[in-house]
Amino acid sequence: MSAPAELVERLANPVRLVADDGHPEVPGWHCAGMPDHWFAAMRMKWANDWSGANLLEYRLWMAAVDMAIEGRWRVPSGGERLRRMAGLAIAELADPERYRATDAWQLKAAWVGVTKSRWFETWQPRYEALYRVLDDWSNAAWRFVKARQNGMVSADLQNRD
């Protein structure tokens, strides 16, 4: 049998090894030094591992708060709309087909707690920007793993937040 590193290298998706054998430690050295939210986003997207969902929700919620402050969004108080957007983005990352269907806007608007007109006028662009942040974390983790597999990880990958 090949060494785990050789197995990971041959796979098109190195995280699949983690999902298939159930041992997240196997390619752990590929992820050493990676920000924890990158790792959780990568595991969610590629291995359907929900173990990091709470961490992701909190980090993405804080990213949404930062975006709201920067963009001077009017956000109703008491509704946790930004937190619900974070949860929706995580669910979409894990199950993209369900949330990208033609009529998925209804599910998204209901999840966020807005009407159809408010969704399309205001919240859809905000949500899509937040989803891109989460997807960028997953993609950055993927690039990190690929760089580590090739024996090189630059300092800017290791220290990026």
N, C-alpha and C. Protein backbone atom coordinates (compact mmCIF):
# COMPACT_ATOMS: atom_id res chain seq x y z
N MET A 1 0.84 -1.19 0.00
CA MET A 1 0.00 0.00 0.00
C MET A 1 0.88 1.24 0.00
N SER A 2 0.44 2.25 -0.70
CA SER A 2 1.19 3.50 -0.79
C SER A 2 1.10 4.28 0.50
N ALA A 3 2.06 5.14 0.70
CA ALA A 3 2.04 6.03 1.86
C ALA A 3 0.90 7.02 1.71
N PRO A 4 0.32 7.52 2.81
CA PRO A 4 -0.80 8.46 2.73
C PRO A 4 -0.51 9.67 1.86
N ALA A 5 0.71 10.20 1.92
CA ALA A 5 1.04 11.38 1.12
C ALA A 5 0.95 11.06 -0.37
N GLU A 6 1.37 9.87 -0.76
CA GLU A 6 1.28 9.47 -2.16
C GLU A 6 -0.17 9.30 -2.59
N LEU A 7 -1.00 8.76 -1.71
CA LEU A 7 -2.42 8.62 -2.02
C LEU A 7 -3.06 9.99 -2.22
N VAL A 8 -2.76 10.90 -1.33
CA VAL A 8 -3.33 12.24 -1.42
C VAL A 8 -2.88 12.91 -2.70
N GLU A 9 -1.64 12.74 -3.07
CA GLU A 9 -1.10 13.38 -4.26
C GLU A 9 -1.78 12.88 -5.53
N ARG A 10 -2.15 11.61 -5.57
CA ARG A 10 -2.77 11.03 -6.77
C ARG A 10 -4.23 11.42 -6.92
N LEU A 11 -4.90 11.78 -5.84
CA LEU A 11 -6.31 12.11 -5.91
C LEU A 11 -6.52 13.51 -6.47
N ALA A 12 -7.59 13.65 -7.25
CA ALA A 12 -7.92 14.98 -7.76
C ALA A 12 -8.35 15.90 -6.63
N ASN A 13 -8.94 15.33 -5.61
CA ASN A 13 -9.41 16.08 -4.45
C ASN A 13 -8.75 15.49 -3.21
N PRO A 14 -7.70 16.10 -2.69
CA PRO A 14 -6.98 15.50 -1.57
C PRO A 14 -7.81 15.36 -0.30
N VAL A 15 -8.88 16.12 -0.17
CA VAL A 15 -9.69 16.03 1.03
C VAL A 15 -10.55 14.77 1.01
N ARG A 16 -10.80 14.20 -0.18
CA ARG A 16 -11.59 12.98 -0.29
C ARG A 16 -10.98 11.86 0.54
N LEU A 17 -9.66 11.80 0.61
CA LEU A 17 -9.01 10.77 1.41
C LEU A 17 -9.49 10.86 2.85
N VAL A 18 -9.62 12.06 3.34
CA VAL A 18 -10.08 12.27 4.70
C VAL A 18 -11.52 11.78 4.84
N ALA A 19 -12.36 12.11 3.87
CA ALA A 19 -13.77 11.73 3.94
C ALA A 19 -13.93 10.22 3.79
N ASP A 20 -13.16 9.59 2.92
CA ASP A 20 -13.33 8.17 2.64
C ASP A 20 -12.86 7.27 3.76
N ASP A 21 -11.74 7.60 4.38
CA ASP A 21 -11.24 6.68 5.40
C ASP A 21 -11.61 7.11 6.82
N GLY A 22 -12.17 8.28 6.97
CA GLY A 22 -12.65 8.72 8.27
C GLY A 22 -11.57 9.16 9.24
N HIS A 23 -10.35 9.33 8.79
CA HIS A 23 -9.26 9.72 9.68
C HIS A 23 -8.74 11.10 9.26
N PRO A 24 -9.22 12.16 9.90
CA PRO A 24 -8.78 13.50 9.49
C PRO A 24 -7.31 13.76 9.75
N GLU A 25 -6.65 12.91 10.53
CA GLU A 25 -5.24 13.14 10.82
C GLU A 25 -4.34 12.76 9.64
N VAL A 26 -4.82 11.90 8.75
CA VAL A 26 -3.98 11.38 7.67
C VAL A 26 -3.31 12.50 6.88
N PRO A 27 -4.06 13.42 6.29
CA PRO A 27 -3.39 14.51 5.57
C PRO A 27 -3.21 15.75 6.43
N GLY A 28 -3.25 15.59 7.74
CA GLY A 28 -3.18 16.74 8.63
C GLY A 28 -1.94 17.58 8.43
N TRP A 29 -0.84 16.95 8.08
CA TRP A 29 0.38 17.73 7.88
C TRP A 29 0.25 18.67 6.70
N HIS A 30 -0.64 18.37 5.74
CA HIS A 30 -0.87 19.29 4.63
C HIS A 30 -1.53 20.58 5.11
N CYS A 31 -2.25 20.47 6.22
CA CYS A 31 -3.04 21.60 6.71
C CYS A 31 -2.39 22.33 7.88
N ALA A 32 -1.27 21.83 8.36
CA ALA A 32 -0.60 22.46 9.50
C ALA A 32 -0.26 23.91 9.16
N GLY A 33 -0.64 24.80 10.04
CA GLY A 33 -0.37 26.22 9.83
C GLY A 33 -1.48 26.96 9.10
N MET A 34 -2.47 26.25 8.64
CA MET A 34 -3.59 26.85 7.93
C MET A 34 -4.55 27.47 8.96
N PRO A 35 -5.12 28.64 8.67
CA PRO A 35 -6.12 29.20 9.58
C PRO A 35 -7.27 28.22 9.79
N ASP A 36 -7.77 28.14 11.00
CA ASP A 36 -8.79 27.14 11.33
C ASP A 36 -10.07 27.30 10.52
N HIS A 37 -10.45 28.53 10.20
CA HIS A 37 -11.68 28.71 9.43
C HIS A 37 -11.50 28.28 7.98
N TRP A 38 -10.30 28.38 7.44
CA TRP A 38 -10.02 27.85 6.10
C TRP A 38 -10.22 26.34 6.11
N PHE A 39 -9.62 25.69 7.13
CA PHE A 39 -9.70 24.24 7.24
C PHE A 39 -11.16 23.79 7.36
N ALA A 40 -11.93 24.47 8.21
CA ALA A 40 -13.33 24.11 8.39
C ALA A 40 -14.13 24.30 7.10
N ALA A 41 -13.86 25.39 6.37
CA ALA A 41 -14.56 25.64 5.11
C ALA A 41 -14.20 24.58 4.07
N MET A 42 -12.94 24.21 4.01
CA MET A 42 -12.50 23.19 3.06
C MET A 42 -13.16 21.85 3.39
N ARG A 43 -13.16 21.48 4.65
CA ARG A 43 -13.77 20.20 5.06
C ARG A 43 -15.27 20.21 4.79
N MET A 44 -15.92 21.35 4.99
CA MET A 44 -17.36 21.45 4.73
C MET A 44 -17.63 21.25 3.25
N LYS A 45 -16.88 21.95 2.41
CA LYS A 45 -17.14 21.93 0.98
C LYS A 45 -16.77 20.59 0.34
N TRP A 46 -15.60 20.07 0.66
CA TRP A 46 -15.08 18.92 -0.06
C TRP A 46 -15.33 17.58 0.62
N ALA A 47 -15.55 17.58 1.93
CA ALA A 47 -15.74 16.31 2.64
C ALA A 47 -17.10 16.24 3.33
N ASN A 48 -17.93 17.28 3.16
CA ASN A 48 -19.24 17.35 3.81
C ASN A 48 -19.13 17.08 5.31
N ASP A 49 -18.10 17.65 5.91
CA ASP A 49 -17.84 17.49 7.34
C ASP A 49 -18.37 18.72 8.05
N TRP A 50 -19.38 18.53 8.88
CA TRP A 50 -20.04 19.63 9.58
C TRP A 50 -19.41 19.92 10.94
N SER A 51 -18.32 19.26 11.27
CA SER A 51 -17.74 19.43 12.61
C SER A 51 -17.25 20.85 12.86
N GLY A 52 -16.93 21.59 11.82
CA GLY A 52 -16.47 22.97 11.99
C GLY A 52 -17.54 24.01 11.73
N ALA A 53 -18.80 23.59 11.68
CA ALA A 53 -19.89 24.51 11.32
C ALA A 53 -20.05 25.66 12.32
N ASN A 54 -19.92 25.38 13.61
CA ASN A 54 -20.07 26.46 14.60
C ASN A 54 -18.97 27.49 14.47
N LEU A 55 -17.73 27.03 14.28
CA LEU A 55 -16.61 27.94 14.07
C LEU A 55 -16.85 28.77 12.81
N LEU A 56 -17.25 28.12 11.73
CA LEU A 56 -17.50 28.83 10.48
C LEU A 56 -18.62 29.86 10.64
N GLU A 57 -19.68 29.46 11.31
CA GLU A 57 -20.79 30.39 11.47
C GLU A 57 -20.35 31.64 12.23
N TYR A 58 -19.59 31.44 13.29
CA TYR A 58 -19.13 32.60 14.07
C TYR A 58 -18.20 33.48 13.24
N ARG A 59 -17.21 32.86 12.57
CA ARG A 59 -16.27 33.65 11.77
C ARG A 59 -16.96 34.39 10.63
N LEU A 60 -17.89 33.70 9.98
CA LEU A 60 -18.60 34.31 8.86
C LEU A 60 -19.56 35.40 9.35
N TRP A 61 -20.16 35.19 10.49
CA TRP A 61 -21.02 36.20 11.09
C TRP A 61 -20.20 37.46 11.37
N MET A 62 -19.02 37.30 11.93
CA MET A 62 -18.16 38.45 12.20
C MET A 62 -17.74 39.13 10.90
N ALA A 63 -17.50 38.35 9.85
CA ALA A 63 -17.19 38.93 8.54
C ALA A 63 -18.39 39.73 8.03
N ALA A 64 -19.60 39.22 8.24
CA ALA A 64 -20.81 39.93 7.83
C ALA A 64 -20.98 41.23 8.60
N VAL A 65 -20.67 41.20 9.88
CA VAL A 65 -20.75 42.42 10.69
C VAL A 65 -19.75 43.45 10.16
N ASP A 66 -18.54 43.01 9.85
CA ASP A 66 -17.54 43.92 9.28
C ASP A 66 -18.02 44.50 7.95
N MET A 67 -18.62 43.64 7.11
CA MET A 67 -19.14 44.12 5.82
C MET A 67 -20.27 45.13 6.03
N ALA A 68 -21.11 44.87 7.01
CA ALA A 68 -22.23 45.78 7.29
C ALA A 68 -21.73 47.14 7.77
N ILE A 69 -20.71 47.12 8.61
CA ILE A 69 -20.14 48.38 9.11
C ILE A 69 -19.48 49.14 7.97
N GLU A 70 -18.67 48.43 7.17
CA GLU A 70 -17.99 49.08 6.04
C GLU A 70 -18.98 49.63 5.02
N GLY A 71 -20.00 48.85 4.71
CA GLY A 71 -20.97 49.25 3.69
C GLY A 71 -22.12 50.09 4.21
N ARG A 72 -22.08 50.36 5.53
CA ARG A 72 -23.14 51.14 6.16
C ARG A 72 -24.53 50.57 5.87
N TRP A 73 -24.61 49.23 6.01
CA TRP A 73 -25.89 48.56 5.79
C TRP A 73 -26.84 48.91 6.92
N ARG A 74 -28.09 49.05 6.57
CA ARG A 74 -29.14 49.17 7.58
C ARG A 74 -29.60 47.75 7.90
N VAL A 75 -29.34 47.33 9.11
CA VAL A 75 -29.70 45.97 9.52
C VAL A 75 -30.66 46.08 10.70
N PRO A 76 -31.84 45.48 10.57
CA PRO A 76 -32.79 45.53 11.69
C PRO A 76 -32.21 44.86 12.92
N SER A 77 -32.44 45.45 14.07
CA SER A 77 -31.91 44.86 15.30
C SER A 77 -32.85 43.76 15.79
N GLY A 78 -32.27 42.82 16.51
CA GLY A 78 -33.06 41.76 17.12
C GLY A 78 -33.36 40.58 16.23
N GLY A 79 -33.14 40.69 14.93
CA GLY A 79 -33.48 39.59 14.03
C GLY A 79 -32.35 38.65 13.70
N GLU A 80 -31.16 38.99 14.11
CA GLU A 80 -29.98 38.19 13.79
C GLU A 80 -29.87 37.89 12.30
N ARG A 81 -30.22 38.85 11.48
CA ARG A 81 -30.21 38.65 10.04
C ARG A 81 -28.82 38.31 9.51
N LEU A 82 -27.79 38.94 10.04
CA LEU A 82 -26.43 38.66 9.57
C LEU A 82 -26.00 37.25 9.96
N ARG A 83 -26.40 36.84 11.14
CA ARG A 83 -26.05 35.48 11.57
C ARG A 83 -26.80 34.44 10.73
N ARG A 84 -28.04 34.72 10.40
CA ARG A 84 -28.79 33.81 9.54
C ARG A 84 -28.19 33.75 8.15
N MET A 85 -27.68 34.87 7.66
CA MET A 85 -27.00 34.86 6.36
C MET A 85 -25.76 33.97 6.41
N ALA A 86 -25.03 34.02 7.52
CA ALA A 86 -23.85 33.18 7.68
C ALA A 86 -24.25 31.70 7.66
N GLY A 87 -25.30 31.36 8.37
CA GLY A 87 -25.77 29.97 8.38
C GLY A 87 -26.22 29.51 7.01
N LEU A 88 -26.89 30.38 6.28
CA LEU A 88 -27.32 30.05 4.93
C LEU A 88 -26.13 29.82 4.01
N ALA A 89 -25.12 30.64 4.12
CA ALA A 89 -23.92 30.48 3.28
C ALA A 89 -23.25 29.14 3.56
N ILE A 90 -23.19 28.74 4.81
CA ILE A 90 -22.59 27.45 5.18
C ILE A 90 -23.41 26.31 4.60
N ALA A 91 -24.72 26.40 4.71
CA ALA A 91 -25.58 25.36 4.14
C ALA A 91 -25.41 25.28 2.63
N GLU A 92 -25.30 26.42 1.97
CA GLU A 92 -25.11 26.41 0.52
C GLU A 92 -23.75 25.85 0.13
N LEU A 93 -22.74 26.13 0.92
CA LEU A 93 -21.42 25.58 0.63
C LEU A 93 -21.44 24.06 0.69
N ALA A 94 -22.19 23.52 1.65
CA ALA A 94 -22.27 22.07 1.83
C ALA A 94 -23.18 21.40 0.80
N ASP A 95 -24.21 22.09 0.34
CA ASP A 95 -25.19 21.50 -0.58
C ASP A 95 -25.55 22.51 -1.67
N PRO A 96 -24.61 22.81 -2.57
CA PRO A 96 -24.83 23.89 -3.54
C PRO A 96 -26.00 23.66 -4.50
N GLU A 97 -26.25 22.41 -4.88
CA GLU A 97 -27.34 22.15 -5.84
C GLU A 97 -28.69 22.61 -5.28
N ARG A 98 -28.90 22.36 -4.02
CA ARG A 98 -30.18 22.72 -3.40
C ARG A 98 -30.39 24.23 -3.37
N TYR A 99 -29.33 24.97 -3.14
CA TYR A 99 -29.45 26.41 -2.96
C TYR A 99 -29.19 27.21 -4.23
N ARG A 100 -28.94 26.53 -5.33
CA ARG A 100 -28.74 27.23 -6.60
C ARG A 100 -29.82 26.91 -7.61
N ALA A 101 -30.85 26.22 -7.18
CA ALA A 101 -31.98 25.92 -8.06
C ALA A 101 -32.69 27.22 -8.42
N THR A 102 -33.49 27.16 -9.47
CA THR A 102 -34.19 28.35 -9.96
C THR A 102 -35.04 29.03 -8.89
N ASP A 103 -35.75 28.24 -8.11
CA ASP A 103 -36.63 28.82 -7.11
C ASP A 103 -36.00 28.86 -5.71
N ALA A 104 -34.70 28.71 -5.63
CA ALA A 104 -34.00 28.71 -4.33
C ALA A 104 -34.07 30.07 -3.64
N TRP A 105 -34.34 31.13 -4.38
CA TRP A 105 -34.44 32.45 -3.76
C TRP A 105 -35.50 32.45 -2.66
N GLN A 106 -36.56 31.63 -2.83
CA GLN A 106 -37.62 31.58 -1.83
C GLN A 106 -37.08 31.02 -0.51
N LEU A 107 -36.31 29.95 -0.62
CA LEU A 107 -35.70 29.36 0.57
C LEU A 107 -34.73 30.34 1.23
N LYS A 108 -33.92 30.99 0.41
CA LYS A 108 -32.94 31.93 0.93
C LYS A 108 -33.61 33.13 1.61
N ALA A 109 -34.62 33.68 0.95
CA ALA A 109 -35.33 34.83 1.53
C ALA A 109 -35.99 34.45 2.85
N ALA A 110 -36.60 33.27 2.88
CA ALA A 110 -37.25 32.82 4.12
C ALA A 110 -36.22 32.59 5.22
N TRP A 111 -35.07 32.01 4.86
CA TRP A 111 -34.03 31.74 5.84
C TRP A 111 -33.53 33.05 6.46
N VAL A 112 -33.32 34.04 5.60
CA VAL A 112 -32.81 35.33 6.07
C VAL A 112 -33.92 36.13 6.76
N GLY A 113 -35.17 35.86 6.39
CA GLY A 113 -36.30 36.52 7.04
C GLY A 113 -36.74 37.79 6.35
N VAL A 114 -36.75 37.78 5.01
CA VAL A 114 -37.15 38.97 4.26
C VAL A 114 -38.18 38.58 3.18
N THR A 115 -38.85 39.58 2.67
CA THR A 115 -39.81 39.38 1.58
C THR A 115 -39.06 39.25 0.26
N LYS A 116 -39.81 38.87 -0.78
CA LYS A 116 -39.22 38.72 -2.11
C LYS A 116 -38.58 40.03 -2.58
N SER A 117 -39.31 41.11 -2.45
CA SER A 117 -38.78 42.39 -2.94
C SER A 117 -37.54 42.82 -2.14
N ARG A 118 -37.56 42.63 -0.83
CA ARG A 118 -36.39 42.99 0.00
C ARG A 118 -35.21 42.09 -0.34
N TRP A 119 -35.49 40.82 -0.64
CA TRP A 119 -34.42 39.89 -0.98
C TRP A 119 -33.69 40.38 -2.24
N PHE A 120 -34.46 40.62 -3.29
CA PHE A 120 -33.84 40.99 -4.55
C PHE A 120 -33.26 42.40 -4.54
N GLU A 121 -33.90 43.32 -3.86
CA GLU A 121 -33.43 44.71 -3.83
C GLU A 121 -32.20 44.90 -2.93
N THR A 122 -32.20 44.24 -1.79
CA THR A 122 -31.20 44.55 -0.77
C THR A 122 -30.34 43.37 -0.36
N TRP A 123 -30.96 42.27 0.01
CA TRP A 123 -30.23 41.21 0.71
C TRP A 123 -29.53 40.21 -0.18
N GLN A 124 -30.01 39.99 -1.40
CA GLN A 124 -29.33 39.04 -2.27
C GLN A 124 -27.89 39.46 -2.59
N PRO A 125 -27.64 40.71 -2.99
CA PRO A 125 -26.25 41.09 -3.26
C PRO A 125 -25.36 41.00 -2.01
N ARG A 126 -25.92 41.34 -0.87
CA ARG A 126 -25.16 41.25 0.38
C ARG A 126 -24.83 39.79 0.70
N TYR A 127 -25.84 38.94 0.53
CA TYR A 127 -25.64 37.52 0.79
C TYR A 127 -24.59 36.94 -0.16
N GLU A 128 -24.68 37.27 -1.42
CA GLU A 128 -23.72 36.74 -2.40
C GLU A 128 -22.30 37.18 -2.08
N ALA A 129 -22.15 38.42 -1.62
CA ALA A 129 -20.81 38.89 -1.22
C ALA A 129 -20.31 38.09 -0.01
N LEU A 130 -21.18 37.80 0.93
CA LEU A 130 -20.79 37.02 2.10
C LEU A 130 -20.46 35.58 1.70
N TYR A 131 -21.25 35.02 0.80
CA TYR A 131 -20.98 33.65 0.33
C TYR A 131 -19.60 33.59 -0.34
N ARG A 132 -19.27 34.62 -1.11
CA ARG A 132 -17.95 34.65 -1.77
C ARG A 132 -16.82 34.63 -0.75
N VAL A 133 -17.01 35.29 0.39
CA VAL A 133 -16.00 35.26 1.45
C VAL A 133 -15.78 33.83 1.91
N LEU A 134 -16.86 33.12 2.17
CA LEU A 134 -16.76 31.72 2.62
C LEU A 134 -16.13 30.84 1.55
N ASP A 135 -16.56 31.01 0.32
CA ASP A 135 -15.99 30.22 -0.77
C ASP A 135 -14.51 30.55 -0.96
N ASP A 136 -14.14 31.80 -0.77
CA ASP A 136 -12.72 32.18 -0.85
C ASP A 136 -11.90 31.49 0.23
N TRP A 137 -12.46 31.34 1.43
CA TRP A 137 -11.74 30.62 2.49
C TRP A 137 -11.49 29.18 2.08
N SER A 138 -12.50 28.54 1.53
CA SER A 138 -12.36 27.15 1.08
C SER A 138 -11.33 27.04 -0.04
N ASN A 139 -11.38 27.96 -0.97
CA ASN A 139 -10.43 27.94 -2.09
C ASN A 139 -9.00 28.24 -1.62
N ALA A 140 -8.87 29.13 -0.65
CA ALA A 140 -7.54 29.43 -0.10
C ALA A 140 -6.97 28.19 0.59
N ALA A 141 -7.83 27.45 1.29
CA ALA A 141 -7.39 26.21 1.95
C ALA A 141 -6.95 25.20 0.90
N TRP A 142 -7.69 25.11 -0.17
CA TRP A 142 -7.34 24.19 -1.26
C TRP A 142 -5.96 24.55 -1.83
N ARG A 143 -5.75 25.83 -2.09
CA ARG A 143 -4.44 26.26 -2.62
C ARG A 143 -3.33 25.97 -1.61
N PHE A 144 -3.62 26.15 -0.34
CA PHE A 144 -2.65 25.87 0.72
C PHE A 144 -2.25 24.40 0.70
N VAL A 145 -3.25 23.50 0.62
CA VAL A 145 -2.98 22.06 0.59
C VAL A 145 -2.18 21.70 -0.66
N LYS A 146 -2.56 22.24 -1.80
CA LYS A 146 -1.83 21.94 -3.04
C LYS A 146 -0.38 22.43 -2.95
N ALA A 147 -0.19 23.62 -2.38
CA ALA A 147 1.17 24.13 -2.22
C ALA A 147 1.97 23.26 -1.27
N ARG A 148 1.35 22.82 -0.19
CA ARG A 148 2.02 21.96 0.78
C ARG A 148 2.38 20.62 0.14
N GLN A 149 1.49 20.09 -0.69
CA GLN A 149 1.78 18.83 -1.39
C GLN A 149 2.98 18.97 -2.31
N ASN A 150 3.14 20.15 -2.86
CA ASN A 150 4.27 20.41 -3.75
C ASN A 150 5.51 20.85 -2.98
N GLY A 151 5.42 20.82 -1.65
CA GLY A 151 6.57 21.14 -0.82
C GLY A 151 6.83 22.60 -0.62
N MET A 152 5.88 23.44 -0.94
CA MET A 152 6.11 24.87 -0.76
C MET A 152 4.86 25.54 -0.23
N VAL A 153 5.05 26.30 0.81
CA VAL A 153 3.98 27.12 1.36
C VAL A 153 4.60 28.47 1.66
N SER A 154 4.09 29.48 0.99
CA SER A 154 4.65 30.81 1.20
C SER A 154 4.16 31.39 2.53
N ALA A 155 4.90 32.31 3.04
CA ALA A 155 4.57 32.94 4.33
C ALA A 155 3.23 33.66 4.25
N ASP A 156 2.90 34.22 3.08
CA ASP A 156 1.63 34.95 2.99
C ASP A 156 0.45 33.98 3.07
N LEU A 157 0.58 32.74 2.63
CA LEU A 157 -0.49 31.75 2.80
C LEU A 157 -0.64 31.37 4.26
N GLN A 158 0.47 31.19 4.95
CA GLN A 158 0.41 30.77 6.35
C GLN A 158 -0.14 31.85 7.26
N ASN A 159 0.12 33.10 6.96
CA ASN A 159 -0.24 34.17 7.87
C ASN A 159 -1.51 34.92 7.47
N ARG A 160 -2.13 34.53 6.38
CA ARG A 160 -3.31 35.23 5.91
C ARG A 160 -4.52 34.88 6.76
N ASP A 161 -5.39 35.84 7.02
CA ASP A 161 -6.58 35.57 7.83
C ASP A 161 -7.82 35.62 7.03
